[in-house]
Amino acid sequence: MPGIKELLVILLVVLIIFGAGKLKTIGKDLGVAIKNFKDGMSDAEKKNKK
C-alpha cells in the first residue's frame, strides 16, 4: 500500500499533466458518472422487486 510520500508524488504528476482547471472538470464529471451509476443500480433493484 502506498504511503503519504508516494501519494503526494502521484498527485503532483497528475496535477502537472492535467493542470488544476482540468482536474476540477474531471472530478465533476466523475462525480456525475458515479451518481448516474448508483441511480441506475437502484432503478434495476426496484424493477427486480416488482
Protein backbone atom coordinates (compact mmCIF):
# COMPACT_ATOMS: atom_id res chain seq x y z
CA MET A 1 0.00 0.00 0.00
CA PRO A 2 1.45 3.39 -0.97
CA GLY A 3 2.47 5.79 1.77
CA ILE A 4 1.89 9.52 2.02
CA LYS A 5 5.03 10.41 0.05
CA GLU A 6 4.05 8.17 -2.86
CA LEU A 7 0.52 9.57 -2.96
CA LEU A 8 1.86 13.13 -3.00
CA VAL A 9 4.20 12.32 -5.89
CA ILE A 10 1.34 10.75 -7.84
CA LEU A 11 -0.88 13.77 -7.16
CA LEU A 12 1.88 16.13 -8.25
CA VAL A 13 2.42 14.24 -11.52
CA VAL A 14 -1.33 14.24 -12.25
CA LEU A 15 -1.50 17.95 -11.49
CA ILE A 16 1.39 18.66 -13.86
CA ILE A 17 -0.11 16.54 -16.64
CA PHE A 18 -3.71 17.78 -16.48
CA GLY A 19 -3.48 21.16 -14.79
CA ALA A 20 -5.66 22.44 -11.96
CA GLY A 21 -8.58 23.53 -14.16
CA LYS A 22 -8.79 20.22 -15.96
CA LEU A 23 -8.70 18.29 -12.66
CA LYS A 24 -11.77 20.20 -11.45
CA THR A 25 -13.64 19.22 -14.61
CA ILE A 26 -12.52 15.60 -14.38
CA GLY A 27 -13.64 15.43 -10.74
CA LYS A 28 -17.04 16.88 -11.54
CA ASP A 29 -17.56 14.51 -14.46
CA LEU A 30 -16.50 11.54 -12.34
CA GLY A 31 -18.97 12.55 -9.61
CA VAL A 32 -21.81 12.80 -12.11
CA ALA A 33 -20.91 9.41 -13.59
CA ILE A 34 -20.90 7.75 -10.15
CA LYS A 35 -24.24 9.34 -9.27
CA ASN A 36 -25.79 8.12 -12.53
CA PHE A 37 -24.41 4.63 -11.95
CA LYS A 38 -25.89 4.48 -8.44
CA ASP A 39 -29.26 5.74 -9.73
CA GLY A 40 -29.22 3.08 -12.44
CA MET A 41 -28.43 0.36 -9.91
CA SER A 42 -31.28 1.44 -7.61
CA ASP A 43 -33.69 1.52 -10.59
CA ALA A 44 -32.66 -2.02 -11.54
CA GLU A 45 -33.23 -3.22 -7.96
CA LYS A 46 -36.71 -1.65 -7.92
CA LYS A 47 -37.61 -3.40 -11.19
CA ASN A 48 -36.39 -6.75 -9.85
CA LYS A 49 -38.53 -6.44 -6.68
CA LYS A 50 -41.76 -5.93 -8.65
